[in-house]
């Protein structure tokens, strides 16, 4: 459920990011970042039954640059929401499925 900061809603999970059409920015401690299409990331987590809260979701991401350089998966420092265009698009849910989930969320 969204929380409020300075009177504005702040998303706390990938579903809210998708519902509000905000690009998901995953930031590594090395400075690299990935901009993910919110619907694709949420759908990826939803299909696998993973928790989509940002704290839990952080443990599922890793930096490719650090993995290539260090030989191990390094987890990101933060997940943020931005208005930039996404660079990475995963498989998107079909429109019927997305509308069904949104209606269940509203209900």
N, C-alpha and C. Protein backbone atom coordinates (compact mmCIF):
# COMPACT_ATOMS: atom_id res chain seq x y z
N UNK A 1 0.84 -1.17 0.00
CA UNK A 1 0.00 0.00 0.00
C UNK A 1 0.89 1.24 0.00
N UNK A 2 0.50 2.23 -0.76
CA UNK A 2 1.28 3.46 -0.89
C UNK A 2 1.37 4.17 0.45
N UNK A 3 2.45 4.85 0.64
CA UNK A 3 2.60 5.69 1.82
C UNK A 3 2.67 7.14 1.34
N UNK A 4 2.66 8.07 2.25
CA UNK A 4 2.66 9.48 1.88
C UNK A 4 3.91 10.17 2.41
N UNK A 5 4.48 11.04 1.55
CA UNK A 5 5.61 11.87 1.95
C UNK A 5 5.32 13.28 1.45
N UNK A 6 5.29 14.22 2.35
CA UNK A 6 4.98 15.62 2.02
C UNK A 6 3.63 15.74 1.32
N UNK A 7 2.69 14.91 1.71
CA UNK A 7 1.35 14.95 1.15
C UNK A 7 1.18 14.26 -0.19
N UNK A 8 2.25 13.69 -0.74
CA UNK A 8 2.19 13.00 -2.02
C UNK A 8 2.30 11.50 -1.82
N UNK A 9 1.60 10.74 -2.67
CA UNK A 9 1.68 9.29 -2.59
C UNK A 9 3.04 8.82 -3.07
N UNK A 10 3.63 7.86 -2.36
CA UNK A 10 4.90 7.25 -2.74
C UNK A 10 4.66 5.75 -2.87
N UNK A 11 4.99 5.20 -4.03
CA UNK A 11 4.79 3.76 -4.26
C UNK A 11 5.72 2.94 -3.38
N UNK A 12 5.25 1.78 -2.94
CA UNK A 12 6.05 0.88 -2.11
C UNK A 12 6.25 -0.48 -2.77
N UNK A 13 5.65 -0.69 -3.95
CA UNK A 13 5.77 -1.99 -4.61
C UNK A 13 5.73 -1.83 -6.13
N UNK A 14 6.10 -2.87 -6.82
CA UNK A 14 6.16 -2.85 -8.28
C UNK A 14 4.78 -2.69 -8.92
N UNK A 15 3.74 -3.25 -8.29
CA UNK A 15 2.40 -3.10 -8.84
C UNK A 15 1.99 -1.63 -8.87
N UNK A 16 2.26 -0.89 -7.80
CA UNK A 16 1.92 0.53 -7.77
C UNK A 16 2.70 1.29 -8.83
N UNK A 17 3.97 0.93 -9.02
CA UNK A 17 4.78 1.57 -10.07
C UNK A 17 4.14 1.35 -11.44
N UNK A 18 3.67 0.14 -11.69
CA UNK A 18 3.02 -0.18 -12.97
C UNK A 18 1.69 0.55 -13.09
N UNK A 19 0.90 0.55 -12.03
CA UNK A 19 -0.41 1.20 -12.06
C UNK A 19 -0.27 2.71 -12.29
N UNK A 20 0.80 3.30 -11.78
CA UNK A 20 1.02 4.75 -11.93
C UNK A 20 1.93 5.07 -13.11
N UNK A 21 2.31 4.05 -13.89
CA UNK A 21 3.12 4.21 -15.11
C UNK A 21 4.44 4.93 -14.83
N UNK A 22 5.13 4.50 -13.78
CA UNK A 22 6.44 5.08 -13.42
C UNK A 22 7.53 4.06 -13.73
N UNK A 23 8.55 4.47 -14.42
CA UNK A 23 9.67 3.60 -14.78
C UNK A 23 10.44 3.21 -13.52
N UNK A 24 10.81 1.94 -13.42
CA UNK A 24 11.54 1.42 -12.26
C UNK A 24 13.04 1.55 -12.53
N UNK A 25 13.72 2.31 -11.68
CA UNK A 25 15.17 2.51 -11.80
C UNK A 25 15.86 1.71 -10.71
N UNK A 26 16.68 0.75 -11.10
CA UNK A 26 17.43 -0.09 -10.17
C UNK A 26 18.87 0.42 -10.19
N UNK A 27 19.37 0.84 -9.03
CA UNK A 27 20.68 1.50 -8.95
C UNK A 27 21.67 0.63 -8.18
N UNK A 28 22.82 0.34 -8.80
CA UNK A 28 23.89 -0.45 -8.18
C UNK A 28 24.85 0.47 -7.45
N UNK A 29 25.57 -0.07 -6.49
CA UNK A 29 26.55 0.74 -5.75
C UNK A 29 27.71 1.18 -6.62
N UNK A 30 27.94 0.49 -7.75
CA UNK A 30 29.03 0.87 -8.66
C UNK A 30 28.66 2.07 -9.53
N UNK A 31 27.39 2.47 -9.50
CA UNK A 31 26.94 3.60 -10.28
C UNK A 31 26.12 3.24 -11.50
N UNK A 32 26.14 1.98 -11.90
CA UNK A 32 25.32 1.55 -13.02
C UNK A 32 23.86 1.48 -12.59
N UNK A 33 22.99 1.63 -13.56
CA UNK A 33 21.56 1.53 -13.27
C UNK A 33 20.84 0.98 -14.48
N UNK A 34 19.66 0.43 -14.21
CA UNK A 34 18.80 -0.08 -15.27
C UNK A 34 17.43 0.57 -15.14
N UNK A 35 16.86 0.94 -16.26
CA UNK A 35 15.51 1.52 -16.29
C UNK A 35 14.56 0.48 -16.89
N UNK A 36 13.70 -0.07 -16.05
CA UNK A 36 12.81 -1.16 -16.43
C UNK A 36 11.40 -0.66 -16.69
N UNK A 37 10.77 -1.25 -17.70
CA UNK A 37 9.35 -0.99 -17.96
C UNK A 37 8.57 -1.55 -16.77
N UNK A 38 7.75 -0.74 -16.09
CA UNK A 38 7.12 -1.19 -14.85
C UNK A 38 6.17 -2.37 -15.00
N UNK A 39 5.42 -2.43 -16.11
CA UNK A 39 4.47 -3.52 -16.30
C UNK A 39 5.20 -4.84 -16.50
N UNK A 40 6.30 -4.81 -17.25
CA UNK A 40 7.08 -6.02 -17.50
C UNK A 40 7.72 -6.57 -16.24
N UNK A 41 8.29 -5.69 -15.42
CA UNK A 41 8.92 -6.13 -14.16
C UNK A 41 7.86 -6.70 -13.22
N UNK A 42 6.74 -5.99 -13.08
CA UNK A 42 5.68 -6.49 -12.20
C UNK A 42 5.20 -7.86 -12.67
N UNK A 43 4.96 -8.00 -13.97
CA UNK A 43 4.46 -9.26 -14.52
C UNK A 43 5.46 -10.39 -14.29
N UNK A 44 6.74 -10.11 -14.43
CA UNK A 44 7.81 -11.09 -14.18
C UNK A 44 7.72 -11.59 -12.73
N UNK A 45 7.58 -10.69 -11.79
CA UNK A 45 7.48 -11.05 -10.38
C UNK A 45 6.17 -11.79 -10.09
N UNK A 46 5.08 -11.30 -10.65
CA UNK A 46 3.75 -11.88 -10.42
C UNK A 46 3.69 -13.33 -10.90
N UNK A 47 4.21 -13.61 -12.09
CA UNK A 47 4.19 -14.98 -12.65
C UNK A 47 4.98 -15.95 -11.79
N UNK A 48 6.02 -15.48 -11.15
CA UNK A 48 6.86 -16.36 -10.32
C UNK A 48 6.40 -16.42 -8.86
N UNK A 49 5.42 -15.60 -8.51
CA UNK A 49 4.91 -15.60 -7.14
C UNK A 49 5.85 -14.91 -6.16
N UNK A 50 6.71 -14.02 -6.67
CA UNK A 50 7.65 -13.30 -5.81
C UNK A 50 6.98 -12.08 -5.19
N UNK A 51 7.45 -11.71 -4.02
CA UNK A 51 6.99 -10.51 -3.33
C UNK A 51 7.43 -9.29 -4.14
N UNK A 52 6.50 -8.37 -4.43
CA UNK A 52 6.86 -7.22 -5.27
C UNK A 52 7.12 -5.95 -4.49
N UNK A 53 7.19 -6.03 -3.15
CA UNK A 53 7.59 -4.86 -2.36
C UNK A 53 9.03 -4.53 -2.68
N UNK A 54 9.37 -3.25 -2.69
CA UNK A 54 10.70 -2.84 -3.12
C UNK A 54 11.82 -3.49 -2.31
N UNK A 55 11.65 -3.63 -1.01
CA UNK A 55 12.68 -4.26 -0.18
C UNK A 55 12.97 -5.69 -0.59
N UNK A 56 11.92 -6.46 -0.79
CA UNK A 56 12.08 -7.86 -1.20
C UNK A 56 12.53 -7.96 -2.66
N UNK A 57 12.03 -7.07 -3.50
CA UNK A 57 12.37 -7.10 -4.93
C UNK A 57 13.85 -6.79 -5.15
N UNK A 58 14.42 -5.97 -4.30
CA UNK A 58 15.85 -5.64 -4.43
C UNK A 58 16.72 -6.88 -4.42
N UNK A 59 16.30 -7.90 -3.70
CA UNK A 59 17.09 -9.13 -3.60
C UNK A 59 17.03 -9.99 -4.86
N UNK A 60 16.15 -9.67 -5.79
CA UNK A 60 16.03 -10.43 -7.03
C UNK A 60 16.83 -9.81 -8.18
N UNK A 61 17.20 -8.54 -8.04
CA UNK A 61 17.98 -7.86 -9.07
C UNK A 61 19.47 -8.01 -8.80
N UNK A 62 20.29 -7.90 -9.84
CA UNK A 62 21.74 -7.88 -9.69
C UNK A 62 22.34 -7.13 -10.86
N UNK A 63 23.54 -6.59 -10.66
CA UNK A 63 24.22 -5.75 -11.65
C UNK A 63 25.04 -6.61 -12.61
N UNK A 64 24.77 -6.53 -13.89
CA UNK A 64 25.50 -7.30 -14.89
C UNK A 64 26.96 -6.85 -14.99
N UNK A 65 27.18 -5.55 -14.88
CA UNK A 65 28.55 -5.02 -14.96
C UNK A 65 29.41 -5.55 -13.82
N UNK A 66 28.89 -5.51 -12.61
CA UNK A 66 29.63 -6.03 -11.45
C UNK A 66 29.84 -7.54 -11.57
N UNK A 67 28.84 -8.25 -12.07
CA UNK A 67 28.95 -9.70 -12.23
C UNK A 67 30.04 -10.04 -13.25
N UNK A 68 30.10 -9.29 -14.32
CA UNK A 68 31.12 -9.51 -15.33
C UNK A 68 32.52 -9.19 -14.78
N UNK A 69 32.62 -8.10 -14.04
CA UNK A 69 33.90 -7.65 -13.52
C UNK A 69 34.38 -8.44 -12.33
N UNK A 70 33.48 -8.74 -11.39
CA UNK A 70 33.86 -9.39 -10.13
C UNK A 70 33.59 -10.89 -10.09
N UNK A 71 32.76 -11.37 -11.02
CA UNK A 71 32.46 -12.79 -11.06
C UNK A 71 31.41 -13.23 -10.06
N UNK A 72 30.68 -12.28 -9.47
CA UNK A 72 29.58 -12.64 -8.57
C UNK A 72 28.48 -11.60 -8.68
N UNK A 73 27.30 -12.00 -8.31
CA UNK A 73 26.14 -11.12 -8.40
C UNK A 73 26.12 -10.14 -7.24
N UNK A 74 26.06 -8.86 -7.57
CA UNK A 74 26.01 -7.80 -6.58
C UNK A 74 24.61 -7.21 -6.60
N UNK A 75 23.97 -7.16 -5.44
CA UNK A 75 22.61 -6.64 -5.32
C UNK A 75 22.63 -5.11 -5.37
N UNK A 76 21.56 -4.50 -5.90
CA UNK A 76 21.52 -3.04 -6.01
C UNK A 76 21.34 -2.35 -4.66
N UNK A 77 21.72 -1.09 -4.63
CA UNK A 77 21.55 -0.28 -3.42
C UNK A 77 20.11 0.18 -3.26
N UNK A 78 19.47 0.51 -4.36
CA UNK A 78 18.14 1.11 -4.26
C UNK A 78 17.29 0.82 -5.49
N UNK A 79 16.00 0.94 -5.26
CA UNK A 79 15.02 0.93 -6.36
C UNK A 79 14.28 2.25 -6.25
N UNK A 80 14.20 2.96 -7.35
CA UNK A 80 13.56 4.26 -7.37
C UNK A 80 12.59 4.31 -8.53
N UNK A 81 11.66 5.24 -8.50
CA UNK A 81 10.72 5.44 -9.60
C UNK A 81 11.03 6.76 -10.28
N UNK A 82 11.08 6.74 -11.61
CA UNK A 82 11.39 7.94 -12.37
C UNK A 82 10.42 8.08 -13.53
N UNK A 83 10.47 9.23 -14.19
CA UNK A 83 9.60 9.47 -15.35
C UNK A 83 10.33 9.28 -16.67
N UNK A 84 11.56 8.76 -16.64
CA UNK A 84 12.35 8.55 -17.86
C UNK A 84 11.80 7.38 -18.67
N UNK A 85 12.22 7.30 -19.92
CA UNK A 85 11.82 6.18 -20.78
C UNK A 85 12.57 4.92 -20.36
N UNK A 86 11.89 3.77 -20.33
CA UNK A 86 12.56 2.53 -19.94
C UNK A 86 13.55 2.05 -21.00
N UNK A 87 14.65 1.44 -20.55
CA UNK A 87 15.64 0.87 -21.44
C UNK A 87 15.43 -0.63 -21.59
N UNK A 88 14.86 -1.26 -20.57
CA UNK A 88 14.72 -2.71 -20.53
C UNK A 88 13.23 -3.06 -20.44
N UNK A 89 12.75 -3.83 -21.41
CA UNK A 89 11.35 -4.23 -21.41
C UNK A 89 11.28 -5.75 -21.35
N UNK A 90 10.68 -6.26 -20.30
CA UNK A 90 10.45 -7.70 -20.17
C UNK A 90 9.09 -8.01 -20.79
N UNK A 91 8.72 -9.26 -20.84
CA UNK A 91 7.42 -9.67 -21.38
C UNK A 91 6.31 -8.96 -20.62
N UNK A 92 5.40 -8.35 -21.36
CA UNK A 92 4.30 -7.61 -20.75
C UNK A 92 3.08 -8.50 -20.59
N UNK A 93 2.25 -8.22 -19.58
CA UNK A 93 1.00 -8.99 -19.45
C UNK A 93 0.05 -8.60 -20.58
N UNK A 94 -0.81 -9.53 -20.97
CA UNK A 94 -1.79 -9.14 -21.98
C UNK A 94 -2.79 -8.19 -21.34
N UNK A 95 -3.46 -7.42 -22.17
CA UNK A 95 -4.32 -6.35 -21.68
C UNK A 95 -5.45 -6.87 -20.79
N UNK A 96 -6.03 -8.01 -21.15
CA UNK A 96 -7.12 -8.58 -20.34
C UNK A 96 -6.66 -8.93 -18.93
N UNK A 97 -5.48 -9.56 -18.85
CA UNK A 97 -4.94 -9.95 -17.54
C UNK A 97 -4.64 -8.72 -16.70
N UNK A 98 -4.03 -7.70 -17.31
CA UNK A 98 -3.71 -6.47 -16.57
C UNK A 98 -4.99 -5.81 -16.04
N UNK A 99 -6.02 -5.72 -16.87
CA UNK A 99 -7.28 -5.09 -16.44
C UNK A 99 -7.93 -5.90 -15.32
N UNK A 100 -7.84 -7.23 -15.40
CA UNK A 100 -8.41 -8.07 -14.34
C UNK A 100 -7.72 -7.81 -13.01
N UNK A 101 -6.40 -7.70 -13.02
CA UNK A 101 -5.63 -7.45 -11.80
C UNK A 101 -5.93 -6.07 -11.24
N UNK A 102 -6.00 -5.06 -12.11
CA UNK A 102 -6.29 -3.70 -11.65
C UNK A 102 -7.67 -3.63 -11.04
N UNK A 103 -8.65 -4.27 -11.65
CA UNK A 103 -10.02 -4.28 -11.09
C UNK A 103 -10.06 -4.98 -9.74
N UNK A 104 -9.29 -6.04 -9.59
CA UNK A 104 -9.23 -6.74 -8.29
C UNK A 104 -8.59 -5.83 -7.23
N UNK A 105 -7.60 -5.05 -7.63
CA UNK A 105 -6.91 -4.14 -6.73
C UNK A 105 -7.85 -3.02 -6.27
N UNK A 106 -8.64 -2.51 -7.18
CA UNK A 106 -9.57 -1.42 -6.86
C UNK A 106 -10.71 -1.87 -5.95
N UNK A 107 -11.14 -3.12 -6.16
CA UNK A 107 -12.32 -3.65 -5.51
C UNK A 107 -12.19 -3.79 -4.07
